[in-house]
Protein backbone atom coordinates (compact mmCIF):
# COMPACT_ATOMS: atom_id res chain seq x y z
CA UNK A 1 69.52 180.77 119.47
CA UNK A 2 72.57 178.59 119.10
CA UNK A 3 74.02 176.03 121.45
CA UNK A 4 75.50 177.50 124.64
CA UNK A 5 79.29 177.46 124.71
CA UNK A 6 81.20 178.15 127.91
CA UNK A 7 83.87 180.01 125.93
CA UNK A 8 81.41 182.77 125.08
CA UNK A 9 80.54 183.32 128.74
CA UNK A 10 84.24 183.45 129.61
CA UNK A 11 84.84 186.02 126.84
CA UNK A 12 82.02 188.13 128.29
CA UNK A 13 83.68 188.08 131.72
CA UNK A 14 87.09 188.86 130.23
CA UNK A 15 85.62 191.88 128.44
CA UNK A 16 84.16 193.18 131.70
CA UNK A 17 87.53 192.61 133.42
CA UNK A 18 89.43 194.50 130.71
CA UNK A 19 86.94 197.39 130.78
CA UNK A 20 87.23 197.64 134.58
CA UNK A 21 91.00 197.11 134.71
CA UNK A 22 91.95 200.82 134.86
CA UNK A 23 90.15 201.10 138.19
CA UNK A 24 91.16 197.65 139.44
CA UNK A 25 94.87 198.23 138.82
CA UNK A 26 94.85 201.97 139.46
CA UNK A 27 96.05 203.34 136.11
CA UNK A 28 92.99 205.54 135.65
CA UNK A 29 94.72 208.71 136.86
CA UNK A 30 94.18 211.53 134.42
CA UNK A 31 91.77 209.51 132.27
CA UNK A 32 94.40 209.18 129.56
CA UNK A 33 94.68 207.05 126.46
CA UNK A 34 95.43 203.76 128.31
CA UNK A 35 92.23 204.11 130.30
CA UNK A 36 90.08 204.83 127.26
CA UNK A 37 91.78 202.05 125.29
CA UNK A 38 91.01 199.48 128.00
CA UNK A 39 87.41 200.65 128.39
CA UNK A 40 86.66 200.70 124.65
CA UNK A 41 88.33 197.36 123.91
CA UNK A 42 86.66 195.76 126.93
CA UNK A 43 83.22 197.03 125.96
CA UNK A 44 83.69 195.88 122.36
CA UNK A 45 84.62 192.42 123.63
CA UNK A 46 81.52 192.40 125.86
CA UNK A 47 79.25 193.38 122.95
CA UNK A 48 80.74 190.84 120.55
CA UNK A 49 80.66 188.08 123.17
CA UNK A 50 77.01 188.86 123.94
CA UNK A 51 76.14 188.74 120.24
CA UNK A 52 78.11 185.51 119.94
CA UNK A 53 76.03 183.99 122.77
CA UNK A 54 72.89 184.51 120.72
CA UNK A 55 74.02 183.87 117.13
CA UNK A 56 77.58 182.58 116.69
CA UNK A 57 79.32 183.60 113.46
CA UNK A 58 82.85 183.31 112.11
CA UNK A 59 83.30 187.08 111.78
CA UNK A 60 82.60 187.54 115.51
CA UNK A 61 85.28 185.01 116.39
CA UNK A 62 87.76 186.77 114.10
CA UNK A 63 86.89 190.16 115.60
CA UNK A 64 87.37 188.80 119.14
CA UNK A 65 90.78 187.42 118.17
CA UNK A 66 91.77 190.81 116.72
CA UNK A 67 90.57 192.65 119.84
CA UNK A 68 92.43 190.17 122.04
CA UNK A 69 95.63 190.78 120.07
CA UNK A 70 95.11 194.55 120.40
CA UNK A 71 94.53 194.24 124.15
CA UNK A 72 97.83 192.40 124.58
CA UNK A 73 99.81 195.21 122.93
């Protein structure tokens, strides 16, 4: 197990927030593409952040940056 970094814990919380955002902000009506996009991207961020907590790697950081860019679109 690597050294604990606070950034990884924050990324985990951000992923949960993004996954829950359709219900928090009320755009879950009809279960359309925006809802599924937020849930999938949020869960992917959670998984990658959890893996990054245990064994940090450069590819995980790059994947989190790419998912963050996608989430902003």
